[in-house]
Amino acid sequence: MVNDPLVESLYRLIRIGELSPGQRVDQRVISERLGVSRTPLREALRALAVDGILTRTPNAGYAVAKVSAEDLLQYYSIRAFLEDQVLKTIEWPSAKELNRLRRANERCRAAAEAGALEDLLAANRDFHTIMFRWSPLTIMVNEIERIWRVTDPYRALHLSNRDRRSNVAVDHDGMIEAVKARDSAQLVRLQDDHRATSRVLLQDMLRHGGMPESAVAMTLPQFATDMTPQVPVA
């Protein structure tokens, strides 16, 4: 996503649910809400459409992208592959960088305890982004971050679950220990489990909204281990 304050302000409205999935973007209302003219707003809308966060329909304008249960399974399958590759190639951090990761997790813990959903979303994203960016696979990292942005409104949905909020920082504690021990296999396993919990909660919420998964989508691998070829025993 373009590093632009207006793009980020518009994206924040989506992330916190002021603009919900499927909702049309009223440019007049949003320009007044953000205190900007229509021309830079249109540029920001185009940038978010390129990322897949918005969709554009001729003669109807922009709307927030709506992700079905089937779409979500595909995104999580892509994440499983990309995050596996990225976490396996991270350069182990210095003590300073490890402390930065710990501080991000403490922000997660504090936000969860306070019920501050927006702060938790930001801190959780920062935690994972810090780790991903230790990898030299920058194209993959950029794609992971794009997928996170597209699915952020749904992540907010599952983090509205109090039990899930309380477990986020605990899951991260295990990842920090894996990084400290330089155990990439354990780090990948923990990320798999962490991602799977979110996926199951989101699937259930979307299914209850009347969006069942297709049989094809259900067969997609959702764990990094599902994609690892099994070496036959001689």
C-alpha atoms as a PDB file:
ATOM      1  CA  MET A   1       0.000   0.000   0.000  1.00  0.00           C
ATOM      2  CA  VAL A   2       1.191   3.497  -0.814  1.00  0.00           C
ATOM      3  CA  ASN A   3       2.775   5.161   2.209  1.00  0.00           C
ATOM      4  CA  ASP A   4       0.414   8.136   2.227  1.00  0.00           C
ATOM      5  CA  PRO A   5      -1.333   9.647   5.285  1.00  0.00           C
ATOM      6  CA  LEU A   6      -4.630  10.002   3.426  1.00  0.00           C
ATOM      7  CA  VAL A   7      -4.540   6.383   2.255  1.00  0.00           C
ATOM      8  CA  GLU A   8      -3.837   5.305   5.844  1.00  0.00           C
ATOM      9  CA  SER A   9      -6.681   7.474   7.200  1.00  0.00           C
ATOM     10  CA  LEU A  10      -9.116   5.982   4.709  1.00  0.00           C
ATOM     11  CA  TYR A  11      -7.855   2.484   5.420  1.00  0.00           C
ATOM     12  CA  ARG A  12      -8.332   3.089   9.151  1.00  0.00           C
ATOM     13  CA  LEU A  13     -12.049   3.745   8.570  1.00  0.00           C
ATOM     14  CA  ILE A  14     -12.233   0.294   6.980  1.00  0.00           C
ATOM     15  CA  ARG A  15     -10.098  -1.380   9.612  1.00  0.00           C
ATOM     16  CA  ILE A  16     -12.187  -0.119  12.533  1.00  0.00           C
ATOM     17  CA  GLY A  17     -15.495  -0.847  10.801  1.00  0.00           C
ATOM     18  CA  GLU A  18     -16.738   2.659  10.033  1.00  0.00           C
ATOM     19  CA  LEU A  19     -16.753   1.441   6.441  1.00  0.00           C
ATOM     20  CA  SER A  20     -17.825  -2.191   6.518  1.00  0.00           C
ATOM     21  CA  PRO A  21     -17.344  -4.966   3.924  1.00  0.00           C
ATOM     22  CA  GLY A  22     -19.657  -4.472   0.971  1.00  0.00           C
ATOM     23  CA  GLN A  23     -20.473  -0.871   1.885  1.00  0.00           C
ATOM     24  CA  ARG A  24     -20.349   1.760  -0.856  1.00  0.00           C
ATOM     25  CA  VAL A  25     -17.896   4.607  -0.277  1.00  0.00           C
ATOM     26  CA  ASP A  26     -19.728   7.926  -0.426  1.00  0.00           C
ATOM     27  CA  GLN A  27     -16.966  10.253  -1.582  1.00  0.00           C
ATOM     28  CA  ARG A  28     -18.795  13.394  -0.472  1.00  0.00           C
ATOM     29  CA  VAL A  29     -19.283  12.073   3.064  1.00  0.00           C
ATOM     30  CA  ILE A  30     -15.729  10.723   3.322  1.00  0.00           C
ATOM     31  CA  SER A  31     -14.127  13.896   1.968  1.00  0.00           C
ATOM     32  CA  GLU A  32     -15.968  15.870   4.657  1.00  0.00           C
ATOM     33  CA  ARG A  33     -15.142  13.243   7.317  1.00  0.00           C
ATOM     34  CA  LEU A  34     -11.414  13.401   6.529  1.00  0.00           C
ATOM     35  CA  GLY A  35     -11.328  17.112   5.642  1.00  0.00           C
ATOM     36  CA  VAL A  36      -9.866  16.630   2.160  1.00  0.00           C
ATOM     37  CA  SER A  37     -10.907  17.540  -1.383  1.00  0.00           C
ATOM     38  CA  ARG A  38     -12.216  15.011  -3.863  1.00  0.00           C
ATOM     39  CA  THR A  39      -9.074  14.874  -6.043  1.00  0.00           C
ATOM     40  CA  PRO A  40      -6.628  13.464  -3.437  1.00  0.00           C
ATOM     41  CA  LEU A  41      -9.442  11.271  -2.085  1.00  0.00           C
ATOM     42  CA  ARG A  42      -9.900   9.680  -5.510  1.00  0.00           C
ATOM     43  CA  GLU A  43      -6.157   8.946  -5.624  1.00  0.00           C
ATOM     44  CA  ALA A  44      -6.380   7.280  -2.206  1.00  0.00           C
ATOM     45  CA  LEU A  45      -9.378   5.236  -3.308  1.00  0.00           C
ATOM     46  CA  ARG A  46      -7.496   4.054  -6.393  1.00  0.00           C
ATOM     47  CA  ALA A  47      -4.511   3.011  -4.241  1.00  0.00           C
ATOM     48  CA  LEU A  48      -6.751   0.904  -1.990  1.00  0.00           C
ATOM     49  CA  ALA A  49      -8.452  -0.625  -5.024  1.00  0.00           C
ATOM     50  CA  VAL A  50      -5.069  -1.702  -6.415  1.00  0.00           C
ATOM     51  CA  ASP A  51      -4.431  -3.527  -3.110  1.00  0.00           C
ATOM     52  CA  GLY A  52      -7.811  -5.273  -3.335  1.00  0.00           C
ATOM     53  CA  ILE A  53      -9.141  -3.519  -0.235  1.00  0.00           C
ATOM     54  CA  LEU A  54     -11.743  -1.681  -2.321  1.00  0.00           C
ATOM     55  CA  THR A  55     -13.581  -2.750  -5.457  1.00  0.00           C
ATOM     56  CA  ARG A  56     -14.699  -0.399  -8.220  1.00  0.00           C
ATOM     57  CA  THR A  57     -17.832  -0.826 -10.305  1.00  0.00           C
ATOM     58  CA  PRO A  58     -18.433   1.421 -13.363  1.00  0.00           C
ATOM     59  CA  ASN A  59     -21.125   4.016 -12.682  1.00  0.00           C
ATOM     60  CA  ALA A  60     -21.371   2.872  -9.055  1.00  0.00           C
ATOM     61  CA  GLY A  61     -18.010   3.915  -7.645  1.00  0.00           C
ATOM     62  CA  TYR A  62     -16.011   2.224  -4.902  1.00  0.00           C
ATOM     63  CA  ALA A  63     -17.090  -0.214  -2.218  1.00  0.00           C
ATOM     64  CA  VAL A  64     -15.221  -2.028   0.538  1.00  0.00           C
ATOM     65  CA  ALA A  65     -14.220  -5.484  -0.705  1.00  0.00           C
ATOM     66  CA  LYS A  66     -16.408  -8.239   0.689  1.00  0.00           C
ATOM     67  CA  VAL A  67     -14.615 -11.486   1.521  1.00  0.00           C
ATOM     68  CA  SER A  68     -16.645 -14.683   1.440  1.00  0.00           C
ATOM     69  CA  ALA A  69     -15.850 -17.769   3.499  1.00  0.00           C
ATOM     70  CA  GLU A  70     -14.404 -19.342   0.338  1.00  0.00           C
ATOM     71  CA  ASP A  71     -12.230 -16.279  -0.303  1.00  0.00           C
ATOM     72  CA  LEU A  72     -11.051 -16.386   3.284  1.00  0.00           C
ATOM     73  CA  LEU A  73      -9.959 -20.018   2.962  1.00  0.00           C
ATOM     74  CA  GLN A  74      -7.959 -19.096  -0.122  1.00  0.00           C
ATOM     75  CA  TYR A  75      -6.293 -16.171   1.624  1.00  0.00           C
ATOM     76  CA  TYR A  76      -5.384 -18.320   4.604  1.00  0.00           C
ATOM     77  CA  SER A  77      -3.997 -21.010   2.312  1.00  0.00           C
ATOM     78  CA  ILE A  78      -1.787 -18.410   0.611  1.00  0.00           C
ATOM     79  CA  ARG A  79      -0.718 -17.086   4.008  1.00  0.00           C
ATOM     80  CA  ALA A  80       0.204 -20.596   5.156  1.00  0.00           C
ATOM     81  CA  PHE A  81       2.588 -20.969   2.225  1.00  0.00           C
ATOM     82  CA  LEU A  82       4.074 -17.472   2.313  1.00  0.00           C
ATOM     83  CA  GLU A  83       4.472 -17.233   6.077  1.00  0.00           C
ATOM     84  CA  ASP A  84       6.117 -20.652   6.178  1.00  0.00           C
ATOM     85  CA  GLN A  85       8.715 -19.566   3.593  1.00  0.00           C
ATOM     86  CA  VAL A  86       9.290 -16.200   5.243  1.00  0.00           C
ATOM     87  CA  LEU A  87       9.662 -17.493   8.811  1.00  0.00           C
ATOM     88  CA  LYS A  88      12.062 -20.214   7.682  1.00  0.00           C
ATOM     89  CA  THR A  89      14.377 -17.571   6.214  1.00  0.00           C
ATOM     90  CA  ILE A  90      14.408 -14.914   8.931  1.00  0.00           C
ATOM     91  CA  GLU A  91      17.731 -13.555  10.075  1.00  0.00           C
ATOM     92  CA  TRP A  92      17.791 -14.048  13.828  1.00  0.00           C
ATOM     93  CA  PRO A  93      17.378 -10.685  15.558  1.00  0.00           C
ATOM     94  CA  SER A  94      19.707  -8.770  17.817  1.00  0.00           C
ATOM     95  CA  ALA A  95      18.781  -8.294  21.463  1.00  0.00           C
ATOM     96  CA  LYS A  96      17.493  -4.850  20.551  1.00  0.00           C
ATOM     97  CA  GLU A  97      15.198  -6.220  17.842  1.00  0.00           C
ATOM     98  CA  LEU A  98      13.975  -9.003  20.124  1.00  0.00           C
ATOM     99  CA  ASN A  99      13.076  -6.411  22.745  1.00  0.00           C
ATOM    100  CA  ARG A 100      11.189  -4.493  20.062  1.00  0.00           C
ATOM    101  CA  LEU A 101       9.155  -7.635  19.416  1.00  0.00           C
ATOM    102  CA  ARG A 102       8.482  -8.018  23.147  1.00  0.00           C
ATOM    103  CA  ARG A 103       7.298  -4.408  23.395  1.00  0.00           C
ATOM    104  CA  ALA A 104       4.875  -4.951  20.514  1.00  0.00           C
ATOM    105  CA  ASN A 105       3.460  -7.947  22.357  1.00  0.00           C
ATOM    106  CA  GLU A 106       3.112  -5.999  25.596  1.00  0.00           C
ATOM    107  CA  ARG A 107       1.056  -3.476  23.626  1.00  0.00           C
ATOM    108  CA  CYS A 108      -1.105  -6.398  22.473  1.00  0.00           C
ATOM    109  CA  ARG A 109      -1.537  -7.560  26.059  1.00  0.00           C
ATOM    110  CA  ALA A 110      -2.410  -4.099  27.357  1.00  0.00           C
ATOM    111  CA  ALA A 111      -4.874  -3.440  24.523  1.00  0.00           C
ATOM    112  CA  ALA A 112      -6.570  -6.818  25.038  1.00  0.00           C
ATOM    113  CA  GLU A 113      -6.949  -6.202  28.761  1.00  0.00           C
ATOM    114  CA  ALA A 114      -8.397  -2.739  28.096  1.00  0.00           C
ATOM    115  CA  GLY A 115     -10.708  -4.015  25.361  1.00  0.00           C
ATOM    116  CA  ALA A 116      -9.130  -1.480  22.968  1.00  0.00           C
ATOM    117  CA  LEU A 117      -9.782  -3.328  19.709  1.00  0.00           C
ATOM    118  CA  GLU A 118      -8.178  -0.817  17.353  1.00  0.00           C
ATOM    119  CA  ASP A 119      -4.998  -0.688  19.453  1.00  0.00           C
ATOM    120  CA  LEU A 120      -4.920  -4.493  19.582  1.00  0.00           C
ATOM    121  CA  LEU A 121      -5.262  -4.767  15.802  1.00  0.00           C
ATOM    122  CA  ALA A 122      -2.388  -2.328  15.294  1.00  0.00           C
ATOM    123  CA  ALA A 123      -0.131  -3.951  17.896  1.00  0.00           C
ATOM    124  CA  ASN A 124      -0.853  -7.452  16.595  1.00  0.00           C
ATOM    125  CA  ARG A 125      -0.039  -6.391  13.046  1.00  0.00           C
ATOM    126  CA  ASP A 126       3.169  -4.715  14.252  1.00  0.00           C
ATOM    127  CA  PHE A 127       4.216  -7.873  16.116  1.00  0.00           C
ATOM    128  CA  HIS A 128       3.933 -10.112  13.082  1.00  0.00           C
ATOM    129  CA  THR A 129       5.308  -7.542  10.656  1.00  0.00           C
ATOM    130  CA  ILE A 130       8.441  -7.138  12.765  1.00  0.00           C
ATOM    131  CA  MET A 131       9.122 -10.874  12.453  1.00  0.00           C
ATOM    132  CA  PHE A 132       8.248 -11.102   8.770  1.00  0.00           C
ATOM    133  CA  ARG A 133      10.595  -8.250   7.924  1.00  0.00           C
ATOM    134  CA  TRP A 134      13.541 -10.143   9.359  1.00  0.00           C
ATOM    135  CA  SER A 135      13.318 -12.251   6.192  1.00  0.00           C
ATOM    136  CA  PRO A 136      15.095 -11.228   2.960  1.00  0.00           C
ATOM    137  CA  LEU A 137      12.065 -12.455   0.948  1.00  0.00           C
ATOM    138  CA  THR A 138      10.685  -8.937   0.547  1.00  0.00           C
ATOM    139  CA  ILE A 139       8.227  -9.697  -2.275  1.00  0.00           C
ATOM    140  CA  MET A 140       6.626 -12.433  -0.193  1.00  0.00           C
ATOM    141  CA  VAL A 141       6.574 -10.192   2.880  1.00  0.00           C
ATOM    142  CA  ASN A 142       4.866  -7.429   0.907  1.00  0.00           C
ATOM    143  CA  GLU A 143       2.219  -9.880  -0.326  1.00  0.00           C
ATOM    144  CA  ILE A 144       1.610 -11.160   3.215  1.00  0.00           C
ATOM    145  CA  GLU A 145       1.083  -7.596   4.380  1.00  0.00           C
ATOM    146  CA  ARG A 146      -1.341  -6.939   1.501  1.00  0.00           C
ATOM    147  CA  ILE A 147      -3.401 -10.016   2.400  1.00  0.00           C
ATOM    148  CA  TRP A 148      -3.480  -8.927   6.031  1.00  0.00           C
ATOM    149  CA  ARG A 149      -4.831  -5.533   4.955  1.00  0.00           C
ATOM    150  CA  VAL A 150      -7.585  -7.073   2.805  1.00  0.00           C
ATOM    151  CA  THR A 151      -8.697  -9.329   5.662  1.00  0.00           C
ATOM    152  CA  ASP A 152      -8.267  -6.785   8.483  1.00  0.00           C
ATOM    153  CA  PRO A 153     -12.016  -6.041   8.812  1.00  0.00           C
ATOM    154  CA  TYR A 154     -12.593  -9.754   9.440  1.00  0.00           C
ATOM    155  CA  ARG A 155      -9.693  -9.942  11.870  1.00  0.00           C
ATOM    156  CA  ALA A 156     -11.418  -7.185  13.819  1.00  0.00           C
ATOM    157  CA  LEU A 157     -14.523  -9.387  13.826  1.00  0.00           C
ATOM    158  CA  HIS A 158     -12.807 -12.352  15.444  1.00  0.00           C
ATOM    159  CA  LEU A 159     -10.851 -10.181  17.887  1.00  0.00           C
ATOM    160  CA  SER A 160     -14.166  -8.916  19.185  1.00  0.00           C
ATOM    161  CA  ASN A 161     -14.278 -12.358  20.846  1.00  0.00           C
ATOM    162  CA  ARG A 162     -13.018 -11.810  24.421  1.00  0.00           C
ATOM    163  CA  ASP A 163     -11.408 -15.259  24.749  1.00  0.00           C
ATOM    164  CA  ARG A 164      -9.518 -14.799  21.488  1.00  0.00           C
ATOM    165  CA  ARG A 165      -8.292 -11.366  22.548  1.00  0.00           C
ATOM    166  CA  SER A 166      -6.927 -12.750  25.792  1.00  0.00           C
ATOM    167  CA  ASN A 167      -5.012 -15.510  23.963  1.00  0.00           C
ATOM    168  CA  VAL A 168      -3.260 -13.333  21.374  1.00  0.00           C
ATOM    169  CA  ALA A 169      -0.392 -12.199  23.615  1.00  0.00           C
ATOM    170  CA  VAL A 170      -0.044 -15.691  25.100  1.00  0.00           C
ATOM    171  CA  ASP A 171       0.401 -17.157  21.607  1.00  0.00           C
ATOM    172  CA  HIS A 172       2.961 -14.454  20.889  1.00  0.00           C
ATOM    173  CA  ASP A 173       4.882 -15.321  24.072  1.00  0.00           C
ATOM    174  CA  GLY A 174       5.563 -18.764  22.620  1.00  0.00           C
ATOM    175  CA  MET A 175       6.757 -17.255  19.347  1.00  0.00           C
ATOM    176  CA  ILE A 176       9.142 -14.955  21.199  1.00  0.00           C
ATOM    177  CA  GLU A 177      10.615 -17.971  22.997  1.00  0.00           C
ATOM    178  CA  ALA A 178      11.025 -19.798  19.661  1.00  0.00           C
ATOM    179  CA  VAL A 179      12.828 -16.770  18.202  1.00  0.00           C
ATOM    180  CA  LYS A 180      15.020 -16.524  21.296  1.00  0.00           C
ATOM    181  CA  ALA A 181      15.895 -20.239  20.918  1.00  0.00           C
ATOM    182  CA  ARG A 182      16.426 -19.777  17.159  1.00  0.00           C
ATOM    183  CA  ASP A 183      14.008 -22.637  16.514  1.00  0.00           C
ATOM    184  CA  SER A 184      12.455 -21.922  13.110  1.00  0.00           C
ATOM    185  CA  ALA A 185      10.490 -25.200  13.024  1.00  0.00           C
ATOM    186  CA  GLN A 186       8.785 -24.361  16.318  1.00  0.00           C
ATOM    187  CA  LEU A 187       8.162 -20.791  15.166  1.00  0.00           C
ATOM    188  CA  VAL A 188       6.404 -22.042  12.020  1.00  0.00           C
ATOM    189  CA  ARG A 189       4.303 -24.492  14.074  1.00  0.00           C
ATOM    190  CA  LEU A 190       3.228 -21.780  16.489  1.00  0.00           C
ATOM    191  CA  GLN A 191       2.351 -19.394  13.664  1.00  0.00           C
ATOM    192  CA  ASP A 192       0.336 -22.190  12.013  1.00  0.00           C
ATOM    193  CA  ASP A 193      -1.644 -22.772  15.215  1.00  0.00           C
ATOM    194  CA  HIS A 194      -2.100 -19.042  15.805  1.00  0.00           C
ATOM    195  CA  ARG A 195      -3.395 -18.493  12.267  1.00  0.00           C
ATOM    196  CA  ALA A 196      -5.623 -21.586  12.390  1.00  0.00           C
ATOM    197  CA  THR A 197      -7.454 -20.391  15.504  1.00  0.00           C
ATOM    198  CA  SER A 198      -8.292 -17.120  13.780  1.00  0.00           C
ATOM    199  CA  ARG A 199      -9.351 -18.906  10.599  1.00  0.00           C
ATOM    200  CA  VAL A 200     -11.747 -21.271  12.390  1.00  0.00           C
ATOM    201  CA  LEU A 201     -13.414 -18.442  14.316  1.00  0.00           C
ATOM    202  CA  LEU A 202     -13.794 -16.354  11.173  1.00  0.00           C
ATOM    203  CA  GLN A 203     -15.157 -19.268   9.157  1.00  0.00           C
ATOM    204  CA  ASP A 204     -17.769 -19.939  11.822  1.00  0.00           C
ATOM    205  CA  MET A 205     -18.826 -16.292  11.890  1.00  0.00           C
ATOM    206  CA  LEU A 206     -19.061 -16.086   8.102  1.00  0.00           C
ATOM    207  CA  ARG A 207     -20.889 -19.412   7.853  1.00  0.00           C
ATOM    208  CA  HIS A 208     -23.476 -18.234  10.355  1.00  0.00           C
ATOM    209  CA  GLY A 209     -23.941 -15.272   8.045  1.00  0.00           C
ATOM    210  CA  GLY A 210     -25.044 -17.652   5.287  1.00  0.00           C
ATOM    211  CA  MET A 211     -21.788 -17.976   3.331  1.00  0.00           C
ATOM    212  CA  PRO A 212     -20.845 -21.699   3.166  1.00  0.00           C
ATOM    213  CA  GLU A 213     -17.511 -22.793   1.731  1.00  0.00           C
ATOM    214  CA  SER A 214     -17.314 -24.673  -1.542  1.00  0.00           C
ATOM    215  CA  ALA A 215     -16.042 -28.248  -1.594  1.00  0.00           C
ATOM    216  CA  VAL A 216     -12.993 -27.131  -3.588  1.00  0.00           C
ATOM    217  CA  ALA A 217     -12.064 -24.407  -1.090  1.00  0.00           C
ATOM    218  CA  MET A 218     -12.409 -26.853   1.790  1.00  0.00           C
ATOM    219  CA  THR A 219      -9.625 -29.008   0.318  1.00  0.00           C
ATOM    220  CA  LEU A 220      -7.082 -26.173   0.288  1.00  0.00           C
ATOM    221  CA  PRO A 221      -4.137 -26.645   2.653  1.00  0.00           C
ATOM    222  CA  GLN A 222      -4.328 -24.303   5.637  1.00  0.00           C
ATOM    223  CA  PHE A 223      -1.117 -25.328   7.421  1.00  0.00           C
ATOM    224  CA  ALA A 224       2.487 -25.096   6.315  1.00  0.00           C
ATOM    225  CA  THR A 225       2.898 -28.776   7.239  1.00  0.00           C
ATOM    226  CA  ASP A 226       0.143 -29.705   4.769  1.00  0.00           C
ATOM    227  CA  MET A 227       2.362 -28.366   1.979  1.00  0.00           C
ATOM    228  CA  THR A 228       5.550 -30.138   3.010  1.00  0.00           C
ATOM    229  CA  PRO A 229       6.273 -33.175   0.825  1.00  0.00           C
ATOM    230  CA  GLN A 230       6.552 -36.331   2.904  1.00  0.00           C
ATOM    231  CA  VAL A 231       9.851 -38.170   2.353  1.00  0.00           C
ATOM    232  CA  PRO A 232       9.191 -41.901   2.039  1.00  0.00           C
ATOM    233  CA  VAL A 233      10.966 -44.140   4.499  1.00  0.00           C
ATOM    234  CA  ALA A 234      13.466 -46.408   2.766  1.00  0.00           C
END
